[in-house]
Amino acid sequence: MYERILIGWNLAVFFLYGWDKHRAVSGGWRVPENVLLGAAFLLGGIGGAMGMIVWHHKTSKMRFRLLVPCFLLLTLSVMRGL
């Protein structure tokens, strides 16, 4: 059951990164960086990492390049323990 919740959350984080990238290109209200990082930290590391790769989003920001892979490892370690 928890696996499905984590999969759903990571999909939401993935699309949150994509939505913010769309807003960055088209203009308009953006998702704050702390929200994107917080979502990845709260076991959304897979979605955040995939969002960075697929959407090419926040890849030049050093905070994201360092923290999101750490959050990915955290998410994977928690999922492995389930």
PDB file of N, CA and C in Angstrom:
ATOM      1  N   MET A   1       0.819  -1.193   0.000  1.00  0.00           N
ATOM      2  CA  MET A   1       0.000   0.000   0.000  1.00  0.00           C
ATOM      3  C   MET A   1       0.867   1.262   0.000  1.00  0.00           C
ATOM      4  N   TYR A   2       1.906   1.287   0.851  1.00  0.00           N
ATOM      5  CA  TYR A   2       2.763   2.462   0.917  1.00  0.00           C
ATOM      6  C   TYR A   2       3.510   2.690  -0.389  1.00  0.00           C
ATOM      7  N   GLU A   3       3.796   1.598  -1.087  1.00  0.00           N
ATOM      8  CA  GLU A   3       4.497   1.731  -2.361  1.00  0.00           C
ATOM      9  C   GLU A   3       3.658   2.543  -3.350  1.00  0.00           C
ATOM     10  N   ARG A   4       2.370   2.275  -3.382  1.00  0.00           N
ATOM     11  CA  ARG A   4       1.478   3.002  -4.301  1.00  0.00           C
ATOM     12  C   ARG A   4       1.393   4.483  -3.939  1.00  0.00           C
ATOM     13  N   ILE A   5       1.389   4.771  -2.652  1.00  0.00           N
ATOM     14  CA  ILE A   5       1.365   6.170  -2.221  1.00  0.00           C
ATOM     15  C   ILE A   5       2.640   6.866  -2.662  1.00  0.00           C
ATOM     16  N   LEU A   6       3.793   6.218  -2.465  1.00  0.00           N
ATOM     17  CA  LEU A   6       5.064   6.812  -2.874  1.00  0.00           C
ATOM     18  C   LEU A   6       5.158   6.972  -4.386  1.00  0.00           C
ATOM     19  N   ILE A   7       4.636   6.018  -5.120  1.00  0.00           N
ATOM     20  CA  ILE A   7       4.636   6.135  -6.584  1.00  0.00           C
ATOM     21  C   ILE A   7       3.769   7.321  -7.006  1.00  0.00           C
ATOM     22  N   GLY A   8       2.596   7.441  -6.417  1.00  0.00           N
ATOM     23  CA  GLY A   8       1.713   8.566  -6.733  1.00  0.00           C
ATOM     24  C   GLY A   8       2.340   9.899  -6.369  1.00  0.00           C
ATOM     25  N   TRP A   9       2.981   9.971  -5.215  1.00  0.00           N
ATOM     26  CA  TRP A   9       3.632  11.206  -4.791  1.00  0.00           C
ATOM     27  C   TRP A   9       4.761  11.573  -5.747  1.00  0.00           C
ATOM     28  N   ASN A  10       5.561  10.591  -6.150  1.00  0.00           N
ATOM     29  CA  ASN A  10       6.662  10.874  -7.063  1.00  0.00           C
ATOM     30  C   ASN A  10       6.157  11.298  -8.435  1.00  0.00           C
ATOM     31  N   LEU A  11       5.047  10.753  -8.876  1.00  0.00           N
ATOM     32  CA  LEU A  11       4.437  11.228 -10.123  1.00  0.00           C
ATOM     33  C   LEU A  11       3.989  12.685  -9.987  1.00  0.00           C
ATOM     34  N   ALA A  12       3.415  13.016  -8.819  1.00  0.00           N
ATOM     35  CA  ALA A  12       2.988  14.399  -8.585  1.00  0.00           C
ATOM     36  C   ALA A  12       4.178  15.342  -8.587  1.00  0.00           C
ATOM     37  N   VAL A  13       5.283  14.939  -7.964  1.00  0.00           N
ATOM     38  CA  VAL A  13       6.481  15.776  -7.931  1.00  0.00           C
ATOM     39  C   VAL A  13       7.057  15.920  -9.334  1.00  0.00           C
ATOM     40  N   PHE A  14       7.073  14.842 -10.095  1.00  0.00           N
ATOM     41  CA  PHE A  14       7.553  14.876 -11.477  1.00  0.00           C
ATOM     42  C   PHE A  14       6.773  15.910 -12.290  1.00  0.00           C
ATOM     43  N   PHE A  15       5.441  15.867 -12.181  1.00  0.00           N
ATOM     44  CA  PHE A  15       4.620  16.809 -12.936  1.00  0.00           C
ATOM     45  C   PHE A  15       4.691  18.225 -12.363  1.00  0.00           C
ATOM     46  N   LEU A  16       4.987  18.360 -11.070  1.00  0.00           N
ATOM     47  CA  LEU A  16       5.201  19.686 -10.488  1.00  0.00           C
ATOM     48  C   LEU A  16       6.431  20.342 -11.114  1.00  0.00           C
ATOM     49  N   TYR A  17       7.504  19.573 -11.282  1.00  0.00           N
ATOM     50  CA  TYR A  17       8.696  20.086 -11.955  1.00  0.00           C
ATOM     51  C   TYR A  17       8.377  20.441 -13.409  1.00  0.00           C
ATOM     52  N   GLY A  18       7.607  19.617 -14.070  1.00  0.00           N
ATOM     53  CA  GLY A  18       7.223  19.895 -15.452  1.00  0.00           C
ATOM     54  C   GLY A  18       6.353  21.127 -15.577  1.00  0.00           C
ATOM     55  N   TRP A  19       5.417  21.292 -14.645  1.00  0.00           N
ATOM     56  CA  TRP A  19       4.547  22.457 -14.671  1.00  0.00           C
ATOM     57  C   TRP A  19       5.350  23.724 -14.446  1.00  0.00           C
ATOM     58  N   ASP A  20       6.317  23.667 -13.502  1.00  0.00           N
ATOM     59  CA  ASP A  20       7.145  24.841 -13.247  1.00  0.00           C
ATOM     60  C   ASP A  20       8.013  25.159 -14.457  1.00  0.00           C
ATOM     61  N   LYS A  21       8.502  24.144 -15.137  1.00  0.00           N
ATOM     62  CA  LYS A  21       9.284  24.387 -16.354  1.00  0.00           C
ATOM     63  C   LYS A  21       8.408  25.052 -17.417  1.00  0.00           C
ATOM     64  N   HIS A  22       7.189  24.567 -17.569  1.00  0.00           N
ATOM     65  CA  HIS A  22       6.260  25.172 -18.533  1.00  0.00           C
ATOM     66  C   HIS A  22       6.020  26.644 -18.198  1.00  0.00           C
ATOM     67  N   ARG A  23       5.824  26.937 -16.918  1.00  0.00           N
ATOM     68  CA  ARG A  23       5.608  28.306 -16.489  1.00  0.00           C
ATOM     69  C   ARG A  23       6.861  29.156 -16.694  1.00  0.00           C
ATOM     70  N   ALA A  24       8.035  28.546 -16.562  1.00  0.00           N
ATOM     71  CA  ALA A  24       9.285  29.283 -16.770  1.00  0.00           C
ATOM     72  C   ALA A  24       9.420  29.700 -18.226  1.00  0.00           C
ATOM     73  N   VAL A  25       8.998  28.832 -19.128  1.00  0.00           N
ATOM     74  CA  VAL A  25       9.110  29.117 -20.561  1.00  0.00           C
ATOM     75  C   VAL A  25       8.028  30.087 -21.006  1.00  0.00           C
ATOM     76  N   SER A  26       6.802  29.880 -20.525  1.00  0.00           N
ATOM     77  CA  SER A  26       5.674  30.682 -21.004  1.00  0.00           C
ATOM     78  C   SER A  26       5.438  31.949 -20.192  1.00  0.00           C
ATOM     79  N   GLY A  27       6.052  32.046 -19.044  1.00  0.00           N
ATOM     80  CA  GLY A  27       5.838  33.207 -18.173  1.00  0.00           C
ATOM     81  C   GLY A  27       4.687  32.954 -17.237  1.00  0.00           C
ATOM     82  N   GLY A  28       4.671  33.686 -16.155  1.00  0.00           N
ATOM     83  CA  GLY A  28       3.589  33.520 -15.192  1.00  0.00           C
ATOM     84  C   GLY A  28       4.109  33.086 -13.844  1.00  0.00           C
ATOM     85  N   TRP A  29       3.178  32.744 -12.977  1.00  0.00           N
ATOM     86  CA  TRP A  29       3.487  32.376 -11.611  1.00  0.00           C
ATOM     87  C   TRP A  29       4.334  31.112 -11.580  1.00  0.00           C
ATOM     88  N   ARG A  30       5.382  31.111 -10.776  1.00  0.00           N
ATOM     89  CA  ARG A  30       6.303  29.977 -10.670  1.00  0.00           C
ATOM     90  C   ARG A  30       6.190  29.312  -9.309  1.00  0.00           C
ATOM     91  N   VAL A  31       6.557  28.053  -9.257  1.00  0.00           N
ATOM     92  CA  VAL A  31       6.641  27.326  -7.998  1.00  0.00           C
ATOM     93  C   VAL A  31       7.952  27.737  -7.324  1.00  0.00           C
ATOM     94  N   PRO A  32       7.913  28.152  -6.065  1.00  0.00           N
ATOM     95  CA  PRO A  32       9.153  28.529  -5.387  1.00  0.00           C
ATOM     96  C   PRO A  32      10.144  27.358  -5.320  1.00  0.00           C
ATOM     97  N   GLU A  33      11.430  27.672  -5.412  1.00  0.00           N
ATOM     98  CA  GLU A  33      12.459  26.636  -5.389  1.00  0.00           C
ATOM     99  C   GLU A  33      12.396  25.804  -4.114  1.00  0.00           C
ATOM    100  N   ASN A  34      12.099  26.454  -2.979  1.00  0.00           N
ATOM    101  CA  ASN A  34      12.021  25.702  -1.728  1.00  0.00           C
ATOM    102  C   ASN A  34      10.879  24.680  -1.742  1.00  0.00           C
ATOM    103  N   VAL A  35       9.824  24.977  -2.455  1.00  0.00           N
ATOM    104  CA  VAL A  35       8.710  24.027  -2.576  1.00  0.00           C
ATOM    105  C   VAL A  35       9.151  22.830  -3.427  1.00  0.00           C
ATOM    106  N   LEU A  36       9.849  23.101  -4.536  1.00  0.00           N
ATOM    107  CA  LEU A  36      10.337  22.010  -5.382  1.00  0.00           C
ATOM    108  C   LEU A  36      11.309  21.122  -4.606  1.00  0.00           C
ATOM    109  N   LEU A  37      12.239  21.736  -3.880  1.00  0.00           N
ATOM    110  CA  LEU A  37      13.191  20.949  -3.092  1.00  0.00           C
ATOM    111  C   LEU A  37      12.507  20.228  -1.943  1.00  0.00           C
ATOM    112  N   GLY A  38      11.557  20.904  -1.310  1.00  0.00           N
ATOM    113  CA  GLY A  38      10.826  20.268  -0.212  1.00  0.00           C
ATOM    114  C   GLY A  38      10.026  19.063  -0.670  1.00  0.00           C
ATOM    115  N   ALA A  39       9.413  19.167  -1.836  1.00  0.00           N
ATOM    116  CA  ALA A  39       8.650  18.035  -2.369  1.00  0.00           C
ATOM    117  C   ALA A  39       9.572  16.852  -2.665  1.00  0.00           C
ATOM    118  N   ALA A  40      10.759  17.143  -3.176  1.00  0.00           N
ATOM    119  CA  ALA A  40      11.728  16.077  -3.440  1.00  0.00           C
ATOM    120  C   ALA A  40      12.228  15.476  -2.130  1.00  0.00           C
ATOM    121  N   PHE A  41      12.448  16.312  -1.127  1.00  0.00           N
ATOM    122  CA  PHE A  41      12.923  15.835   0.171  1.00  0.00           C
ATOM    123  C   PHE A  41      11.903  14.932   0.845  1.00  0.00           C
ATOM    124  N   LEU A  42      10.643  15.269   0.718  1.00  0.00           N
ATOM    125  CA  LEU A  42       9.580  14.488   1.358  1.00  0.00           C
ATOM    126  C   LEU A  42       9.275  13.224   0.555  1.00  0.00           C
ATOM    127  N   LEU A  43      10.309  12.467   0.284  1.00  0.00           N
ATOM    128  CA  LEU A  43      10.272  11.172  -0.412  1.00  0.00           C
ATOM    129  C   LEU A  43       9.788  11.293  -1.850  1.00  0.00           C
ATOM    130  N   GLY A  44      10.032  12.434  -2.466  1.00  0.00           N
ATOM    131  CA  GLY A  44       9.725  12.636  -3.883  1.00  0.00           C
ATOM    132  C   GLY A  44      10.989  12.754  -4.707  1.00  0.00           C
ATOM    133  N   GLY A  45      12.070  12.146  -4.233  1.00  0.00           N
ATOM    134  CA  GLY A  45      13.358  12.245  -4.914  1.00  0.00           C
ATOM    135  C   GLY A  45      13.375  11.644  -6.301  1.00  0.00           C
ATOM    136  N   ILE A  46      12.630  10.584  -6.503  1.00  0.00           N
ATOM    137  CA  ILE A  46      12.575   9.960  -7.825  1.00  0.00           C
ATOM    138  C   ILE A  46      11.881  10.906  -8.802  1.00  0.00           C
ATOM    139  N   GLY A  47      10.757  11.460  -8.400  1.00  0.00           N
ATOM    140  CA  GLY A  47      10.031  12.404  -9.250  1.00  0.00           C
ATOM    141  C   GLY A  47      10.832  13.662  -9.523  1.00  0.00           C
ATOM    142  N   GLY A  48      11.526  14.160  -8.500  1.00  0.00           N
ATOM    143  CA  GLY A  48      12.352  15.346  -8.687  1.00  0.00           C
ATOM    144  C   GLY A  48      13.507  15.099  -9.640  1.00  0.00           C
ATOM    145  N   ALA A  49      14.187  13.969  -9.466  1.00  0.00           N
ATOM    146  CA  ALA A  49      15.312  13.643 -10.347  1.00  0.00           C
ATOM    147  C   ALA A  49      14.835  13.422 -11.779  1.00  0.00           C
ATOM    148  N   MET A  50      13.737  12.698 -11.931  1.00  0.00           N
ATOM    149  CA  MET A  50      13.212  12.473 -13.278  1.00  0.00           C
ATOM    150  C   MET A  50      12.712  13.778 -13.896  1.00  0.00           C
ATOM    151  N   GLY A  51      12.133  14.649 -13.083  1.00  0.00           N
ATOM    152  CA  GLY A  51      11.691  15.949 -13.579  1.00  0.00           C
ATOM    153  C   GLY A  51      12.850  16.794 -14.069  1.00  0.00           C
ATOM    154  N   MET A  52      13.957  16.730 -13.355  1.00  0.00           N
ATOM    155  CA  MET A  52      15.144  17.472 -13.791  1.00  0.00           C
ATOM    156  C   MET A  52      15.664  16.925 -15.120  1.00  0.00           C
ATOM    157  N   ILE A  53      15.643  15.612 -15.261  1.00  0.00           N
ATOM    158  CA  ILE A  53      16.187  14.983 -16.473  1.00  0.00           C
ATOM    159  C   ILE A  53      15.245  15.187 -17.662  1.00  0.00           C
ATOM    160  N   VAL A  54      13.988  14.825 -17.499  1.00  0.00           N
ATOM    161  CA  VAL A  54      13.034  14.849 -18.611  1.00  0.00           C
ATOM    162  C   VAL A  54      12.727  16.272 -19.053  1.00  0.00           C
ATOM    163  N   TRP A  55      12.470  17.153 -18.078  1.00  0.00           N
ATOM    164  CA  TRP A  55      12.083  18.519 -18.408  1.00  0.00           C
ATOM    165  C   TRP A  55      13.290  19.447 -18.563  1.00  0.00           C
ATOM    166  N   HIS A  56      14.497  18.937 -18.278  1.00  0.00           N
ATOM    167  CA  HIS A  56      15.707  19.777 -18.314  1.00  0.00           C
ATOM    168  C   HIS A  56      15.509  21.003 -17.432  1.00  0.00           C
ATOM    169  N   HIS A  57      15.026  20.750 -16.225  1.00  0.00           N
ATOM    170  CA  HIS A  57      14.627  21.846 -15.339  1.00  0.00           C
ATOM    171  C   HIS A  57      15.524  21.900 -14.122  1.00  0.00           C
ATOM    172  N   LYS A  58      16.028  23.092 -13.834  1.00  0.00           N
ATOM    173  CA  LYS A  58      16.863  23.386 -12.668  1.00  0.00           C
ATOM    174  C   LYS A  58      18.199  22.657 -12.708  1.00  0.00           C
ATOM    175  N   THR A  59      18.611  22.229 -13.874  1.00  0.00           N
ATOM    176  CA  THR A  59      19.870  21.483 -13.985  1.00  0.00           C
ATOM    177  C   THR A  59      21.094  22.381 -13.844  1.00  0.00           C
ATOM    178  N   SER A  60      20.946  23.674 -14.017  1.00  0.00           N
ATOM    179  CA  SER A  60      22.088  24.565 -13.855  1.00  0.00           C
ATOM    180  C   SER A  60      22.200  25.101 -12.427  1.00  0.00           C
ATOM    181  N   LYS A  61      21.212  24.839 -11.614  1.00  0.00           N
ATOM    182  CA  LYS A  61      21.226  25.301 -10.225  1.00  0.00           C
ATOM    183  C   LYS A  61      21.988  24.295  -9.361  1.00  0.00           C
ATOM    184  N   MET A  62      23.074  24.759  -8.731  1.00  0.00           N
ATOM    185  CA  MET A  62      23.920  23.859  -7.948  1.00  0.00           C
ATOM    186  C   MET A  62      23.165  23.228  -6.782  1.00  0.00           C
ATOM    187  N   ARG A  63      22.259  23.991  -6.142  1.00  0.00           N
ATOM    188  CA  ARG A  63      21.480  23.416  -5.034  1.00  0.00           C
ATOM    189  C   ARG A  63      20.710  22.189  -5.485  1.00  0.00           C
ATOM    190  N   PHE A  64      20.112  22.268  -6.659  1.00  0.00           N
ATOM    191  CA  PHE A  64      19.331  21.147  -7.173  1.00  0.00           C
ATOM    192  C   PHE A  64      20.243  20.001  -7.595  1.00  0.00           C
ATOM    193  N   ARG A  65      21.365  20.325  -8.206  1.00  0.00           N
ATOM    194  CA  ARG A  65      22.295  19.286  -8.672  1.00  0.00           C
ATOM    195  C   ARG A  65      22.901  18.513  -7.513  1.00  0.00           C
ATOM    196  N   LEU A  66      23.003  19.126  -6.343  1.00  0.00           N
ATOM    197  CA  LEU A  66      23.548  18.444  -5.175  1.00  0.00           C
ATOM    198  C   LEU A  66      22.463  17.782  -4.328  1.00  0.00           C
ATOM    199  N   LEU A  67      21.369  18.486  -4.094  1.00  0.00           N
ATOM    200  CA  LEU A  67      20.364  17.992  -3.153  1.00  0.00           C
ATOM    201  C   LEU A  67      19.427  16.943  -3.735  1.00  0.00           C
ATOM    202  N   VAL A  68      18.984  17.128  -4.958  1.00  0.00           N
ATOM    203  CA  VAL A  68      18.002  16.190  -5.514  1.00  0.00           C
ATOM    204  C   VAL A  68      18.563  14.762  -5.611  1.00  0.00           C
ATOM    205  N   PRO A  69      19.821  14.553  -6.023  1.00  0.00           N
ATOM    206  CA  PRO A  69      20.344  13.178  -5.980  1.00  0.00           C
ATOM    207  C   PRO A  69      20.385  12.596  -4.559  1.00  0.00           C
ATOM    208  N   CYS A  70      20.659  13.436  -3.553  1.00  0.00           N
ATOM    209  CA  CYS A  70      20.614  12.965  -2.172  1.00  0.00           C
ATOM    210  C   CYS A  70      19.197  12.547  -1.792  1.00  0.00           C
ATOM    211  N   PHE A  71      18.217  13.346  -2.212  1.00  0.00           N
ATOM    212  CA  PHE A  71      16.823  13.022  -1.932  1.00  0.00           C
ATOM    213  C   PHE A  71      16.390  11.766  -2.693  1.00  0.00           C
ATOM    214  N   LEU A  72      16.954  11.575  -3.869  1.00  0.00           N
ATOM    215  CA  LEU A  72      16.684  10.346  -4.632  1.00  0.00           C
ATOM    216  C   LEU A  72      17.162   9.131  -3.847  1.00  0.00           C
ATOM    217  N   LEU A  73      18.387   9.196  -3.317  1.00  0.00           N
ATOM    218  CA  LEU A  73      18.920   8.085  -2.527  1.00  0.00           C
ATOM    219  C   LEU A  73      18.098   7.856  -1.270  1.00  0.00           C
ATOM    220  N   LEU A  74      17.653   8.935  -0.633  1.00  0.00           N
ATOM    221  CA  LEU A  74      16.805   8.812   0.545  1.00  0.00           C
ATOM    222  C   LEU A  74      15.502   8.110   0.186  1.00  0.00           C
ATOM    223  N   THR A  75      14.885   8.515  -0.882  1.00  0.00           N
ATOM    224  CA  THR A  75      13.621   7.912  -1.311  1.00  0.00           C
ATOM    225  C   THR A  75      13.796   6.440  -1.634  1.00  0.00           C
ATOM    226  N   LEU A  76      14.861   6.107  -2.355  1.00  0.00           N
ATOM    227  CA  LEU A  76      15.113   4.709  -2.703  1.00  0.00           C
ATOM    228  C   LEU A  76      15.390   3.854  -1.471  1.00  0.00           C
ATOM    229  N   SER A  77      16.105   4.416  -0.506  1.00  0.00           N
ATOM    230  CA  SER A  77      16.401   3.648   0.699  1.00  0.00           C
ATOM    231  C   SER A  77      15.128   3.392   1.519  1.00  0.00           C
ATOM    232  N   VAL A  78      14.241   4.370   1.571  1.00  0.00           N
ATOM    233  CA  VAL A  78      12.982   4.176   2.273  1.00  0.00           C
ATOM    234  C   VAL A  78      12.119   3.158   1.544  1.00  0.00           C
ATOM    235  N   MET A  79      12.070   3.255   0.218  1.00  0.00           N
ATOM    236  CA  MET A  79      11.265   2.310  -0.561  1.00  0.00           C
ATOM    237  C   MET A  79      11.802   0.891  -0.419  1.00  0.00           C
ATOM    238  N   ARG A  80      13.110   0.773  -0.334  1.00  0.00           N
ATOM    239  CA  ARG A  80      13.699  -0.565  -0.175  1.00  0.00           C
ATOM    240  C   ARG A  80      13.322  -1.191   1.150  1.00  0.00           C
ATOM    241  N   GLY A  81      13.159  -0.339   2.162  1.00  0.00           N
ATOM    242  CA  GLY A  81      12.804  -0.838   3.481  1.00  0.00           C
ATOM    243  C   GLY A  81      11.341  -1.199   3.653  1.00  0.00           C
ATOM    244  N   LEU A  82      10.515  -0.826   2.700  1.00  0.00           N
ATOM    245  CA  LEU A  82       9.076  -1.122   2.817  1.00  0.00           C
ATOM    246  C   LEU A  82       8.775  -2.548   2.528  1.00  0.00           C
TER     247      LEU A  82
END
